[in-house]
Every structure is written in structure tokens, then in C-alpha cells.
Amino acid sequence: MRIGELAERSGLSRDAIRFYEKIGLLGSHRSPNGYREFAADAVPWLAYVRTAQRLGFSLAEIASHGRELREAPDSAAALSAMFAEKIAIVDAKMDELAALREELAERAGTGCPLRPDQR
């Protein structure tokens, strides 16, 4: 299918599709007239990519695991390992944010909230 049809079926813009192709998340081949031609499995793959992004995975993370995920997109073991790694990252970020919140709360209402650290 051509890029216009893929954009319509996937709900993505042509620019997004071109970008995904540029960074290696999506493949195409050129027809003799120069048009990009995409395989039918590009539609579910792009939905998969968008879901992974919504779950907090970066395009770089998706690209680094892209081949194994494309070959077995529902592999519970591979996905569980990726999710466990992402959960650890989220937990660490939550700890950082909790510490930041605590420090902000300590400084709020003081005479000089931007006083240098006393550590």
C-alpha cells in the first residue's frame, strides 16, 4: 500500500510514517515510479508502536527491540522482561519525584525558598 493509504488506515500522518521509516522502525520499498510501498503488516505494527509509546517506551527502545518484537509481537517472555525493566525505571523516577516534592514542601512558605542547600 502507498503512504497515503497507510496514513489513513493507521491514523498517523505521512510525516510520522516517513520519520518511522527514516529511523528504521518501518520498512518500505520503492515502486518503479518512486512511490513508497508498504506491506499490509505495517498497519498492525504501527498500532503496536503507538501502544508501546503510550506505555512509556521511547522510539529508541522500540527500535532496539523492534526486530524481536516484529517476529513475535505477543511473546509474553520478551514483553514481560521489557515491562519489568520499564517498571524499575518508573519506580526510580517516582522515588526521585517524591524526594523533589518533599524538598519543595520543606522550602514552601519559608522566608527564602531558594536558599542554598545546607547539606
N, C-alpha and C. Protein backbone atom coordinates (compact mmCIF):
# COMPACT_ATOMS: atom_id res chain seq x y z
N MET A 1 0.85 -1.17 0.00
CA MET A 1 0.00 0.00 0.00
C MET A 1 0.89 1.23 0.00
N ARG A 2 0.37 2.32 -0.51
CA ARG A 2 1.12 3.57 -0.55
C ARG A 2 0.99 4.31 0.76
N ILE A 3 1.80 5.34 0.92
CA ILE A 3 1.88 6.06 2.19
C ILE A 3 0.55 6.71 2.57
N GLY A 4 -0.19 7.22 1.60
CA GLY A 4 -1.48 7.84 1.90
C GLY A 4 -2.47 6.86 2.50
N GLU A 5 -2.52 5.67 1.92
CA GLU A 5 -3.42 4.64 2.44
C GLU A 5 -2.97 4.19 3.83
N LEU A 6 -1.66 4.03 4.00
CA LEU A 6 -1.14 3.64 5.31
C LEU A 6 -1.45 4.71 6.36
N ALA A 7 -1.31 5.96 5.98
CA ALA A 7 -1.63 7.05 6.91
C ALA A 7 -3.10 6.99 7.30
N GLU A 8 -3.96 6.79 6.33
CA GLU A 8 -5.39 6.71 6.62
C GLU A 8 -5.73 5.52 7.51
N ARG A 9 -5.18 4.37 7.18
CA ARG A 9 -5.50 3.14 7.93
C ARG A 9 -4.89 3.13 9.33
N SER A 10 -3.73 3.78 9.49
CA SER A 10 -3.05 3.76 10.79
C SER A 10 -3.42 4.95 11.67
N GLY A 11 -3.97 5.99 11.07
CA GLY A 11 -4.29 7.19 11.83
C GLY A 11 -3.08 8.08 12.09
N LEU A 12 -1.98 7.80 11.44
CA LEU A 12 -0.76 8.59 11.59
C LEU A 12 -0.60 9.53 10.40
N SER A 13 0.15 10.57 10.58
CA SER A 13 0.42 11.47 9.47
C SER A 13 1.47 10.87 8.54
N ARG A 14 1.52 11.36 7.34
CA ARG A 14 2.55 10.92 6.40
C ARG A 14 3.93 11.26 6.94
N ASP A 15 4.05 12.41 7.58
CA ASP A 15 5.35 12.81 8.15
C ASP A 15 5.79 11.82 9.23
N ALA A 16 4.86 11.39 10.08
CA ALA A 16 5.21 10.43 11.13
C ALA A 16 5.66 9.11 10.50
N ILE A 17 4.97 8.68 9.47
CA ILE A 17 5.33 7.43 8.79
C ILE A 17 6.71 7.56 8.17
N ARG A 18 6.98 8.69 7.52
CA ARG A 18 8.30 8.91 6.94
C ARG A 18 9.38 8.91 8.02
N PHE A 19 9.07 9.52 9.16
CA PHE A 19 10.03 9.56 10.27
C PHE A 19 10.30 8.15 10.79
N TYR A 20 9.26 7.37 11.00
CA TYR A 20 9.44 5.99 11.46
C TYR A 20 10.27 5.20 10.47
N GLU A 21 10.05 5.45 9.20
CA GLU A 21 10.84 4.77 8.17
C GLU A 21 12.31 5.22 8.26
N LYS A 22 12.51 6.51 8.43
CA LYS A 22 13.87 7.06 8.49
C LYS A 22 14.68 6.47 9.64
N ILE A 23 14.03 6.27 10.80
CA ILE A 23 14.76 5.75 11.95
C ILE A 23 14.78 4.22 12.01
N GLY A 24 14.19 3.59 11.01
CA GLY A 24 14.28 2.14 10.91
C GLY A 24 13.17 1.36 11.58
N LEU A 25 12.12 2.02 12.04
CA LEU A 25 11.01 1.30 12.65
C LEU A 25 10.06 0.69 11.63
N LEU A 26 10.14 1.17 10.42
CA LEU A 26 9.21 0.75 9.39
C LEU A 26 9.97 0.64 8.07
N GLY A 27 9.70 -0.41 7.35
CA GLY A 27 10.35 -0.60 6.07
C GLY A 27 9.40 -0.39 4.91
N SER A 28 9.96 -0.05 3.78
CA SER A 28 9.18 0.08 2.55
C SER A 28 10.10 -0.24 1.39
N HIS A 29 9.52 -0.36 0.25
CA HIS A 29 10.33 -0.44 -0.95
C HIS A 29 9.76 0.56 -1.95
N ARG A 30 10.57 0.96 -2.88
CA ARG A 30 10.15 1.95 -3.87
C ARG A 30 9.65 1.24 -5.13
N SER A 31 8.51 1.67 -5.59
CA SER A 31 7.98 1.14 -6.84
C SER A 31 8.74 1.79 -7.99
N PRO A 32 8.59 1.28 -9.20
CA PRO A 32 9.31 1.86 -10.33
C PRO A 32 9.05 3.37 -10.53
N ASN A 33 7.87 3.83 -10.13
CA ASN A 33 7.58 5.25 -10.27
C ASN A 33 8.06 6.07 -9.07
N GLY A 34 8.73 5.43 -8.10
CA GLY A 34 9.31 6.15 -6.97
C GLY A 34 8.44 6.23 -5.73
N TYR A 35 7.21 5.73 -5.80
CA TYR A 35 6.33 5.76 -4.64
C TYR A 35 6.79 4.74 -3.60
N ARG A 36 6.60 5.10 -2.34
CA ARG A 36 6.86 4.13 -1.26
C ARG A 36 5.73 3.11 -1.25
N GLU A 37 6.09 1.86 -1.08
CA GLU A 37 5.11 0.79 -0.96
C GLU A 37 5.36 0.09 0.38
N PHE A 38 4.30 -0.04 1.17
CA PHE A 38 4.40 -0.65 2.49
C PHE A 38 3.62 -1.96 2.51
N ALA A 39 4.11 -2.92 3.25
CA ALA A 39 3.44 -4.21 3.39
C ALA A 39 2.17 -4.05 4.22
N ALA A 40 1.25 -4.96 4.07
CA ALA A 40 -0.02 -4.91 4.81
C ALA A 40 0.20 -5.00 6.32
N ASP A 41 1.27 -5.69 6.75
CA ASP A 41 1.50 -5.81 8.20
C ASP A 41 2.02 -4.52 8.82
N ALA A 42 2.20 -3.47 8.03
CA ALA A 42 2.64 -2.19 8.58
C ALA A 42 1.56 -1.57 9.47
N VAL A 43 0.30 -1.81 9.15
CA VAL A 43 -0.80 -1.23 9.95
C VAL A 43 -0.79 -1.76 11.38
N PRO A 44 -0.82 -3.08 11.59
CA PRO A 44 -0.78 -3.55 12.99
C PRO A 44 0.55 -3.22 13.67
N TRP A 45 1.65 -3.20 12.92
CA TRP A 45 2.93 -2.86 13.53
C TRP A 45 2.91 -1.41 14.02
N LEU A 46 2.37 -0.49 13.26
CA LEU A 46 2.30 0.91 13.70
C LEU A 46 1.38 1.05 14.92
N ALA A 47 0.32 0.27 14.98
CA ALA A 47 -0.54 0.29 16.17
C ALA A 47 0.24 -0.20 17.38
N TYR A 48 1.06 -1.21 17.17
CA TYR A 48 1.90 -1.76 18.23
C TYR A 48 2.90 -0.70 18.72
N VAL A 49 3.52 -0.01 17.77
CA VAL A 49 4.49 1.04 18.11
C VAL A 49 3.80 2.13 18.93
N ARG A 50 2.63 2.55 18.50
CA ARG A 50 1.90 3.61 19.22
C ARG A 50 1.52 3.15 20.64
N THR A 51 1.13 1.90 20.79
CA THR A 51 0.80 1.37 22.11
C THR A 51 2.04 1.36 23.00
N ALA A 52 3.16 0.92 22.44
CA ALA A 52 4.41 0.91 23.21
C ALA A 52 4.80 2.32 23.64
N GLN A 53 4.62 3.30 22.76
CA GLN A 53 4.90 4.69 23.13
C GLN A 53 3.99 5.14 24.26
N ARG A 54 2.71 4.81 24.17
CA ARG A 54 1.75 5.20 25.21
C ARG A 54 2.13 4.60 26.56
N LEU A 55 2.75 3.42 26.53
CA LEU A 55 3.18 2.75 27.76
C LEU A 55 4.54 3.26 28.27
N GLY A 56 5.07 4.28 27.60
CA GLY A 56 6.28 4.92 28.09
C GLY A 56 7.57 4.50 27.43
N PHE A 57 7.50 3.66 26.40
CA PHE A 57 8.70 3.25 25.70
C PHE A 57 9.06 4.30 24.66
N SER A 58 10.33 4.64 24.60
CA SER A 58 10.79 5.60 23.60
C SER A 58 10.92 4.92 22.25
N LEU A 59 10.99 5.73 21.22
CA LEU A 59 11.19 5.15 19.89
C LEU A 59 12.52 4.42 19.81
N ALA A 60 13.52 4.93 20.52
CA ALA A 60 14.82 4.25 20.54
C ALA A 60 14.70 2.87 21.18
N GLU A 61 13.93 2.77 22.28
CA GLU A 61 13.73 1.48 22.93
C GLU A 61 12.96 0.53 22.02
N ILE A 62 11.96 1.05 21.35
CA ILE A 62 11.17 0.22 20.44
C ILE A 62 12.05 -0.25 19.29
N ALA A 63 12.86 0.65 18.77
CA ALA A 63 13.75 0.30 17.66
C ALA A 63 14.78 -0.73 18.08
N SER A 64 15.30 -0.61 19.30
CA SER A 64 16.33 -1.56 19.74
C SER A 64 15.78 -2.97 19.92
N HIS A 65 14.49 -3.07 20.21
CA HIS A 65 13.86 -4.38 20.38
C HIS A 65 12.94 -4.71 19.20
N GLY A 66 12.93 -3.84 18.21
CA GLY A 66 11.98 -3.96 17.10
C GLY A 66 11.98 -5.27 16.38
N ARG A 67 13.17 -5.76 16.07
CA ARG A 67 13.23 -6.99 15.28
C ARG A 67 12.60 -8.17 16.04
N GLU A 68 12.98 -8.33 17.31
CA GLU A 68 12.42 -9.45 18.07
C GLU A 68 10.93 -9.27 18.29
N LEU A 69 10.48 -8.03 18.45
CA LEU A 69 9.06 -7.80 18.66
C LEU A 69 8.26 -7.99 17.38
N ARG A 70 8.84 -7.64 16.26
CA ARG A 70 8.13 -7.84 14.99
C ARG A 70 8.00 -9.32 14.67
N GLU A 71 9.01 -10.08 15.04
CA GLU A 71 8.96 -11.51 14.75
C GLU A 71 8.02 -12.24 15.69
N ALA A 72 7.88 -11.77 16.91
CA ALA A 72 6.98 -12.39 17.89
C ALA A 72 6.36 -11.31 18.76
N PRO A 73 5.45 -10.49 18.19
CA PRO A 73 4.93 -9.34 18.93
C PRO A 73 4.14 -9.68 20.19
N ASP A 74 3.70 -10.90 20.31
CA ASP A 74 2.93 -11.28 21.50
C ASP A 74 3.71 -12.22 22.41
N SER A 75 5.01 -12.25 22.27
CA SER A 75 5.84 -13.13 23.09
C SER A 75 5.80 -12.63 24.54
N ALA A 76 5.14 -13.37 25.37
CA ALA A 76 4.96 -12.97 26.77
C ALA A 76 6.29 -12.83 27.49
N ALA A 77 7.22 -13.71 27.23
CA ALA A 77 8.50 -13.66 27.93
C ALA A 77 9.27 -12.39 27.56
N ALA A 78 9.36 -12.08 26.27
CA ALA A 78 10.09 -10.89 25.84
C ALA A 78 9.42 -9.63 26.36
N LEU A 79 8.10 -9.57 26.25
CA LEU A 79 7.38 -8.39 26.71
C LEU A 79 7.46 -8.25 28.22
N SER A 80 7.35 -9.33 28.94
CA SER A 80 7.42 -9.28 30.40
C SER A 80 8.78 -8.75 30.85
N ALA A 81 9.84 -9.17 30.20
CA ALA A 81 11.17 -8.68 30.55
C ALA A 81 11.27 -7.18 30.28
N MET A 82 10.75 -6.73 29.14
CA MET A 82 10.78 -5.30 28.83
C MET A 82 9.94 -4.51 29.83
N PHE A 83 8.78 -5.04 30.19
CA PHE A 83 7.93 -4.35 31.14
C PHE A 83 8.58 -4.28 32.51
N ALA A 84 9.25 -5.35 32.92
CA ALA A 84 9.94 -5.34 34.22
C ALA A 84 11.02 -4.26 34.24
N GLU A 85 11.76 -4.13 33.16
CA GLU A 85 12.78 -3.07 33.08
C GLU A 85 12.13 -1.70 33.16
N LYS A 86 11.04 -1.51 32.44
CA LYS A 86 10.35 -0.21 32.44
C LYS A 86 9.77 0.09 33.81
N ILE A 87 9.24 -0.91 34.49
CA ILE A 87 8.71 -0.70 35.84
C ILE A 87 9.81 -0.23 36.77
N ALA A 88 11.00 -0.81 36.68
CA ALA A 88 12.12 -0.38 37.52
C ALA A 88 12.48 1.07 37.24
N ILE A 89 12.45 1.46 35.99
CA ILE A 89 12.74 2.86 35.63
C ILE A 89 11.67 3.78 36.17
N VAL A 90 10.42 3.40 36.04
CA VAL A 90 9.31 4.21 36.55
C VAL A 90 9.41 4.33 38.07
N ASP A 91 9.70 3.23 38.76
CA ASP A 91 9.85 3.27 40.22
C ASP A 91 10.96 4.22 40.64
N ALA A 92 12.09 4.18 39.94
CA ALA A 92 13.21 5.08 40.27
C ALA A 92 12.80 6.53 40.04
N LYS A 93 12.08 6.79 38.97
CA LYS A 93 11.63 8.15 38.67
C LYS A 93 10.64 8.62 39.74
N MET A 94 9.76 7.72 40.18
CA MET A 94 8.81 8.07 41.23
C MET A 94 9.53 8.42 42.53
N ASP A 95 10.59 7.68 42.86
CA ASP A 95 11.38 7.99 44.05
C ASP A 95 12.03 9.37 43.93
N GLU A 96 12.58 9.67 42.75
CA GLU A 96 13.18 10.98 42.52
C GLU A 96 12.15 12.09 42.68
N LEU A 97 10.97 11.88 42.11
CA LEU A 97 9.91 12.89 42.19
C LEU A 97 9.40 13.06 43.62
N ALA A 98 9.32 11.98 44.38
CA ALA A 98 8.89 12.07 45.78
C ALA A 98 9.91 12.88 46.59
N ALA A 99 11.19 12.66 46.34
CA ALA A 99 12.23 13.42 47.04
C ALA A 99 12.16 14.89 46.65
N LEU A 100 11.94 15.17 45.39
CA LEU A 100 11.82 16.55 44.93
C LEU A 100 10.60 17.21 45.57
N ARG A 101 9.49 16.50 45.63
CA ARG A 101 8.29 17.06 46.25
C ARG A 101 8.53 17.38 47.71
N GLU A 102 9.20 16.48 48.41
CA GLU A 102 9.50 16.69 49.82
C GLU A 102 10.34 17.95 50.01
N GLU A 103 11.35 18.11 49.18
CA GLU A 103 12.20 19.29 49.30
C GLU A 103 11.43 20.56 48.98
N LEU A 104 10.60 20.53 47.96
CA LEU A 104 9.79 21.70 47.64
C LEU A 104 8.84 22.04 48.78
N ALA A 105 8.24 21.02 49.39
CA ALA A 105 7.33 21.25 50.51
C ALA A 105 8.07 21.87 51.70
N GLU A 106 9.30 21.43 51.94
CA GLU A 106 10.10 22.00 53.04
C GLU A 106 10.41 23.47 52.79
N ARG A 107 10.63 23.84 51.55
CA ARG A 107 11.02 25.20 51.21
C ARG A 107 9.81 26.13 51.06
N ALA A 108 8.65 25.59 50.78
CA ALA A 108 7.47 26.43 50.59
C ALA A 108 7.12 27.15 51.89
N GLY A 109 6.81 28.40 51.78
CA GLY A 109 6.41 29.18 52.95
C GLY A 109 7.57 29.66 53.80
N THR A 110 8.79 29.39 53.42
CA THR A 110 9.93 29.90 54.17
C THR A 110 10.27 31.29 53.65
N GLY A 111 11.05 31.99 54.40
CA GLY A 111 11.42 33.34 54.01
C GLY A 111 12.29 33.38 52.77
N CYS A 112 13.05 32.34 52.56
CA CYS A 112 13.96 32.32 51.42
C CYS A 112 13.95 30.91 50.80
N PRO A 113 12.94 30.63 49.96
CA PRO A 113 12.80 29.27 49.44
C PRO A 113 13.96 28.82 48.54
N LEU A 114 14.76 29.74 48.04
CA LEU A 114 15.86 29.35 47.16
C LEU A 114 17.20 29.43 47.87
N ARG A 115 17.17 29.33 49.21
CA ARG A 115 18.43 29.35 49.95
C ARG A 115 19.31 28.17 49.50
N PRO A 116 20.61 28.33 49.56
CA PRO A 116 21.49 27.23 49.14
C PRO A 116 21.28 26.00 50.01
N ASP A 117 21.59 24.87 49.44
CA ASP A 117 21.49 23.61 50.18
C ASP A 117 22.38 23.67 51.40
N GLN A 118 21.92 23.12 52.49
CA GLN A 118 22.70 23.07 53.74
C GLN A 118 23.32 21.71 53.96
N ARG A 119 23.48 20.95 52.93
CA ARG A 119 23.97 19.57 53.06
C ARG A 119 25.44 19.50 53.11
